[in-house]
Amino acid sequence: MMQKIIPWILAIFVAFVFIQSLFFNFSGSEETVIIFNTIADWMADIALLEAVAEPFRTYSGNTIGVLELVASALILIPATLRVKLESEFIYPIRLLRIGLLTL
C-alpha cells in the first residue's frame, strides 16, 4: 500500500513546485531575469555557446516555464510514469527533470 502512495505524494509535490514557479517564469520577475541573464552572460564567454547566449537570455524564462508545465502534467499522468524501451524501463519524467536541471 505504501509503495503505491509514496510515489504519488512525491509526484504531486514535484508538480506543485513546478506549477508554483510558473508565475515567476512567465511574468518576467526580477529574480528570474537575473538568473537567466547570469547564465546567458556565462554562455557568451564560451565560444561554442556564444551564438545562443542572446536567444537564451530572451526566451529562456518562457521556455523553461513551458517545459515545467509539460513536466507537471506528465508527472501526474500514470501512463507516462513508465515506458518500455529496449526491454528496460525508462522513466521519461526523470529524463525531463535532468534536462530541466541542466539548462
N, C-alpha and C. Protein backbone atom coordinates (compact mmCIF):
# COMPACT_ATOMS: atom_id res chain seq x y z
N MET A 1 0.83 -1.20 0.00
CA MET A 1 0.00 0.00 0.00
C MET A 1 0.87 1.25 0.00
N MET A 2 1.84 1.29 0.89
CA MET A 2 2.73 2.47 0.97
C MET A 2 3.56 2.62 -0.30
N GLN A 3 3.86 1.49 -0.96
CA GLN A 3 4.65 1.54 -2.19
C GLN A 3 3.90 2.23 -3.32
N LYS A 4 2.59 2.28 -3.22
CA LYS A 4 1.80 2.98 -4.23
C LYS A 4 1.51 4.42 -3.83
N ILE A 5 1.47 4.70 -2.56
CA ILE A 5 1.13 6.04 -2.08
C ILE A 5 2.33 6.98 -2.14
N ILE A 6 3.49 6.53 -1.73
CA ILE A 6 4.67 7.40 -1.67
C ILE A 6 5.03 7.98 -3.04
N PRO A 7 5.07 7.20 -4.13
CA PRO A 7 5.37 7.81 -5.43
C PRO A 7 4.38 8.89 -5.83
N TRP A 8 3.10 8.69 -5.47
CA TRP A 8 2.11 9.72 -5.81
C TRP A 8 2.31 10.98 -4.98
N ILE A 9 2.64 10.82 -3.72
CA ILE A 9 2.90 12.00 -2.89
C ILE A 9 4.08 12.78 -3.45
N LEU A 10 5.14 12.07 -3.81
CA LEU A 10 6.31 12.73 -4.39
C LEU A 10 5.98 13.39 -5.73
N ALA A 11 5.19 12.72 -6.57
CA ALA A 11 4.82 13.28 -7.86
C ALA A 11 3.99 14.55 -7.70
N ILE A 12 3.06 14.52 -6.77
CA ILE A 12 2.23 15.71 -6.50
C ILE A 12 3.08 16.85 -5.97
N PHE A 13 4.04 16.54 -5.12
CA PHE A 13 4.92 17.58 -4.58
C PHE A 13 5.75 18.22 -5.70
N VAL A 14 6.34 17.40 -6.56
CA VAL A 14 7.16 17.93 -7.66
C VAL A 14 6.31 18.76 -8.61
N ALA A 15 5.12 18.28 -8.95
CA ALA A 15 4.23 19.03 -9.82
C ALA A 15 3.85 20.36 -9.17
N PHE A 16 3.60 20.35 -7.88
CA PHE A 16 3.27 21.58 -7.15
C PHE A 16 4.41 22.59 -7.22
N VAL A 17 5.64 22.13 -7.03
CA VAL A 17 6.80 23.02 -7.09
C VAL A 17 6.94 23.61 -8.49
N PHE A 18 6.81 22.76 -9.52
CA PHE A 18 6.91 23.25 -10.90
C PHE A 18 5.82 24.27 -11.19
N ILE A 19 4.59 23.98 -10.79
CA ILE A 19 3.47 24.87 -11.07
C ILE A 19 3.63 26.19 -10.32
N GLN A 20 4.14 26.12 -9.11
CA GLN A 20 4.36 27.35 -8.34
C GLN A 20 5.36 28.27 -9.03
N SER A 21 6.36 27.70 -9.68
CA SER A 21 7.40 28.52 -10.31
C SER A 21 6.95 29.12 -11.64
N LEU A 22 5.81 28.68 -12.17
CA LEU A 22 5.35 29.19 -13.46
C LEU A 22 5.12 30.70 -13.43
N PHE A 23 4.59 31.20 -12.34
CA PHE A 23 4.34 32.64 -12.24
C PHE A 23 5.63 33.42 -12.46
N PHE A 24 6.70 32.98 -11.85
CA PHE A 24 7.96 33.69 -11.97
C PHE A 24 8.53 33.60 -13.38
N ASN A 25 8.40 32.44 -14.00
CA ASN A 25 8.93 32.26 -15.35
C ASN A 25 8.16 33.07 -16.38
N PHE A 26 6.84 33.08 -16.29
CA PHE A 26 6.02 33.74 -17.31
C PHE A 26 5.85 35.24 -17.06
N SER A 27 6.03 35.69 -15.84
CA SER A 27 5.83 37.12 -15.57
C SER A 27 7.10 37.93 -15.74
N GLY A 28 8.23 37.27 -15.93
CA GLY A 28 9.50 38.00 -16.09
C GLY A 28 9.92 38.67 -14.78
N SER A 29 9.73 37.97 -13.68
CA SER A 29 10.09 38.54 -12.39
C SER A 29 11.58 38.84 -12.32
N GLU A 30 11.94 39.75 -11.47
CA GLU A 30 13.33 40.21 -11.37
C GLU A 30 14.29 39.06 -11.07
N GLU A 31 13.88 38.16 -10.18
CA GLU A 31 14.75 37.03 -9.83
C GLU A 31 15.03 36.14 -11.04
N THR A 32 13.98 35.86 -11.81
CA THR A 32 14.13 35.02 -12.99
C THR A 32 15.02 35.69 -14.02
N VAL A 33 14.83 36.98 -14.23
CA VAL A 33 15.65 37.72 -15.20
C VAL A 33 17.11 37.70 -14.77
N ILE A 34 17.37 37.91 -13.50
CA ILE A 34 18.75 37.90 -13.00
C ILE A 34 19.38 36.52 -13.22
N ILE A 35 18.66 35.48 -12.90
CA ILE A 35 19.20 34.11 -13.05
C ILE A 35 19.54 33.83 -14.51
N PHE A 36 18.60 34.06 -15.41
CA PHE A 36 18.84 33.72 -16.81
C PHE A 36 19.82 34.68 -17.49
N ASN A 37 19.85 35.93 -17.06
CA ASN A 37 20.87 36.84 -17.59
C ASN A 37 22.26 36.42 -17.15
N THR A 38 22.39 35.97 -15.93
CA THR A 38 23.69 35.49 -15.44
C THR A 38 24.15 34.28 -16.23
N ILE A 39 23.24 33.35 -16.48
CA ILE A 39 23.59 32.17 -17.27
C ILE A 39 23.95 32.58 -18.70
N ALA A 40 23.19 33.52 -19.29
CA ALA A 40 23.48 33.98 -20.65
C ALA A 40 24.83 34.68 -20.72
N ASP A 41 25.17 35.47 -19.69
CA ASP A 41 26.50 36.11 -19.66
C ASP A 41 27.60 35.06 -19.61
N TRP A 42 27.39 34.03 -18.84
CA TRP A 42 28.36 32.94 -18.75
C TRP A 42 28.48 32.24 -20.10
N MET A 43 27.34 32.01 -20.76
CA MET A 43 27.36 31.36 -22.06
C MET A 43 28.08 32.20 -23.10
N ALA A 44 27.93 33.52 -23.03
CA ALA A 44 28.56 34.42 -24.00
C ALA A 44 30.08 34.35 -23.92
N ASP A 45 30.62 33.96 -22.78
CA ASP A 45 32.06 33.86 -22.61
C ASP A 45 32.63 32.54 -23.14
N ILE A 46 31.78 31.62 -23.56
CA ILE A 46 32.22 30.33 -24.08
C ILE A 46 31.98 30.33 -25.59
N ALA A 47 33.03 30.10 -26.35
CA ALA A 47 32.97 30.22 -27.81
C ALA A 47 31.85 29.39 -28.43
N LEU A 48 31.69 28.15 -28.01
CA LEU A 48 30.67 27.29 -28.60
C LEU A 48 29.24 27.73 -28.26
N LEU A 49 29.06 28.42 -27.16
CA LEU A 49 27.72 28.83 -26.72
C LEU A 49 27.42 30.30 -26.99
N GLU A 50 28.39 31.01 -27.52
CA GLU A 50 28.24 32.45 -27.72
C GLU A 50 27.05 32.79 -28.62
N ALA A 51 26.82 31.99 -29.66
CA ALA A 51 25.74 32.26 -30.61
C ALA A 51 24.35 32.10 -29.99
N VAL A 52 24.22 31.25 -29.00
CA VAL A 52 22.90 31.01 -28.40
C VAL A 52 22.68 31.79 -27.11
N ALA A 53 23.65 32.57 -26.70
CA ALA A 53 23.53 33.30 -25.43
C ALA A 53 22.40 34.33 -25.46
N GLU A 54 22.32 35.09 -26.55
CA GLU A 54 21.29 36.14 -26.62
C GLU A 54 19.88 35.56 -26.75
N PRO A 55 19.65 34.56 -27.61
CA PRO A 55 18.32 33.94 -27.62
C PRO A 55 17.97 33.30 -26.27
N PHE A 56 18.96 32.72 -25.60
CA PHE A 56 18.73 32.14 -24.28
C PHE A 56 18.26 33.22 -23.32
N ARG A 57 18.93 34.37 -23.35
CA ARG A 57 18.56 35.49 -22.47
C ARG A 57 17.11 35.91 -22.71
N THR A 58 16.72 35.92 -23.98
CA THR A 58 15.39 36.42 -24.35
C THR A 58 14.27 35.42 -24.05
N TYR A 59 14.50 34.14 -24.38
CA TYR A 59 13.40 33.17 -24.36
C TYR A 59 13.48 32.13 -23.26
N SER A 60 14.53 32.10 -22.48
CA SER A 60 14.72 31.01 -21.53
C SER A 60 13.64 30.93 -20.45
N GLY A 61 13.22 32.05 -19.92
CA GLY A 61 12.20 32.03 -18.87
C GLY A 61 10.92 31.37 -19.35
N ASN A 62 10.46 31.76 -20.54
CA ASN A 62 9.23 31.18 -21.09
C ASN A 62 9.43 29.73 -21.48
N THR A 63 10.58 29.42 -22.05
CA THR A 63 10.86 28.04 -22.47
C THR A 63 10.88 27.11 -21.26
N ILE A 64 11.58 27.50 -20.22
CA ILE A 64 11.63 26.68 -19.01
C ILE A 64 10.24 26.58 -18.39
N GLY A 65 9.47 27.67 -18.43
CA GLY A 65 8.11 27.64 -17.90
C GLY A 65 7.24 26.63 -18.63
N VAL A 66 7.32 26.60 -19.96
CA VAL A 66 6.54 25.65 -20.75
C VAL A 66 6.98 24.22 -20.44
N LEU A 67 8.30 24.00 -20.36
CA LEU A 67 8.79 22.65 -20.04
C LEU A 67 8.35 22.21 -18.65
N GLU A 68 8.35 23.12 -17.69
CA GLU A 68 7.89 22.77 -16.34
C GLU A 68 6.40 22.46 -16.33
N LEU A 69 5.63 23.19 -17.13
CA LEU A 69 4.20 22.93 -17.22
C LEU A 69 3.94 21.55 -17.82
N VAL A 70 4.65 21.23 -18.89
CA VAL A 70 4.52 19.91 -19.52
C VAL A 70 4.95 18.81 -18.54
N ALA A 71 6.07 19.03 -17.86
CA ALA A 71 6.56 18.04 -16.89
C ALA A 71 5.55 17.85 -15.76
N SER A 72 4.92 18.92 -15.31
CA SER A 72 3.91 18.82 -14.25
C SER A 72 2.76 17.94 -14.68
N ALA A 73 2.33 18.12 -15.91
CA ALA A 73 1.22 17.29 -16.41
C ALA A 73 1.65 15.84 -16.56
N LEU A 74 2.84 15.62 -17.12
CA LEU A 74 3.30 14.26 -17.34
C LEU A 74 3.53 13.51 -16.03
N ILE A 75 3.97 14.22 -15.01
CA ILE A 75 4.22 13.59 -13.72
C ILE A 75 2.92 13.02 -13.14
N LEU A 76 1.82 13.68 -13.41
CA LEU A 76 0.55 13.28 -12.82
C LEU A 76 -0.26 12.32 -13.68
N ILE A 77 0.24 11.98 -14.86
CA ILE A 77 -0.44 11.02 -15.73
C ILE A 77 0.20 9.65 -15.54
N PRO A 78 -0.54 8.69 -15.01
CA PRO A 78 0.05 7.38 -14.71
C PRO A 78 0.69 6.70 -15.92
N ALA A 79 0.12 6.88 -17.10
CA ALA A 79 0.65 6.19 -18.28
C ALA A 79 2.05 6.68 -18.66
N THR A 80 2.44 7.86 -18.21
CA THR A 80 3.75 8.39 -18.57
C THR A 80 4.82 8.07 -17.53
N LEU A 81 4.45 7.35 -16.50
CA LEU A 81 5.45 7.04 -15.48
C LEU A 81 6.46 6.02 -15.98
N ARG A 82 6.03 5.10 -16.83
CA ARG A 82 6.94 4.08 -17.35
C ARG A 82 6.68 3.86 -18.82
N VAL A 83 7.75 3.77 -19.56
CA VAL A 83 7.68 3.43 -20.97
C VAL A 83 8.69 2.31 -21.19
N LYS A 84 8.24 1.22 -21.79
CA LYS A 84 9.16 0.11 -22.02
C LYS A 84 9.94 0.39 -23.30
N LEU A 85 11.27 0.39 -23.18
CA LEU A 85 12.13 0.70 -24.31
C LEU A 85 13.33 -0.23 -24.26
N GLU A 86 13.51 -1.02 -25.29
CA GLU A 86 14.63 -1.94 -25.37
C GLU A 86 14.73 -2.83 -24.13
N SER A 87 13.61 -3.39 -23.74
CA SER A 87 13.50 -4.31 -22.61
C SER A 87 13.99 -3.74 -21.28
N GLU A 88 14.04 -2.43 -21.18
CA GLU A 88 14.33 -1.78 -19.89
C GLU A 88 13.27 -0.71 -19.66
N PHE A 89 12.99 -0.43 -18.42
CA PHE A 89 12.05 0.64 -18.13
C PHE A 89 12.80 1.95 -18.04
N ILE A 90 12.37 2.90 -18.85
CA ILE A 90 12.94 4.23 -18.86
C ILE A 90 11.88 5.17 -18.26
N TYR A 91 12.30 6.03 -17.41
CA TYR A 91 11.38 6.98 -16.80
C TYR A 91 11.55 8.33 -17.48
N PRO A 92 10.64 8.66 -18.43
CA PRO A 92 10.80 9.92 -19.18
C PRO A 92 10.73 11.15 -18.28
N ILE A 93 10.00 11.07 -17.20
CA ILE A 93 9.91 12.23 -16.31
C ILE A 93 11.27 12.51 -15.69
N ARG A 94 11.97 11.47 -15.26
CA ARG A 94 13.29 11.67 -14.69
C ARG A 94 14.23 12.27 -15.72
N LEU A 95 14.14 11.80 -16.96
CA LEU A 95 14.98 12.35 -18.01
C LEU A 95 14.65 13.82 -18.27
N LEU A 96 13.36 14.15 -18.25
CA LEU A 96 12.94 15.52 -18.45
C LEU A 96 13.43 16.40 -17.31
N ARG A 97 13.32 15.89 -16.07
CA ARG A 97 13.82 16.65 -14.92
C ARG A 97 15.32 16.89 -15.04
N ILE A 98 16.05 15.87 -15.44
CA ILE A 98 17.50 16.03 -15.59
C ILE A 98 17.78 17.09 -16.65
N GLY A 99 17.02 17.06 -17.72
CA GLY A 99 17.18 18.07 -18.78
C GLY A 99 16.88 19.46 -18.28
N LEU A 100 15.82 19.61 -17.49
CA LEU A 100 15.47 20.92 -16.96
C LEU A 100 16.53 21.43 -15.99
N LEU A 101 17.07 20.54 -15.19
CA LEU A 101 18.06 20.97 -14.21
C LEU A 101 19.40 21.31 -14.84
N THR A 102 19.68 20.79 -16.04
CA THR A 102 20.96 21.08 -16.67
C THR A 102 20.90 22.29 -17.57
N LEU A 103 19.72 22.89 -17.78
CA LEU A 103 19.65 24.09 -18.61
C LEU A 103 20.23 25.28 -17.91
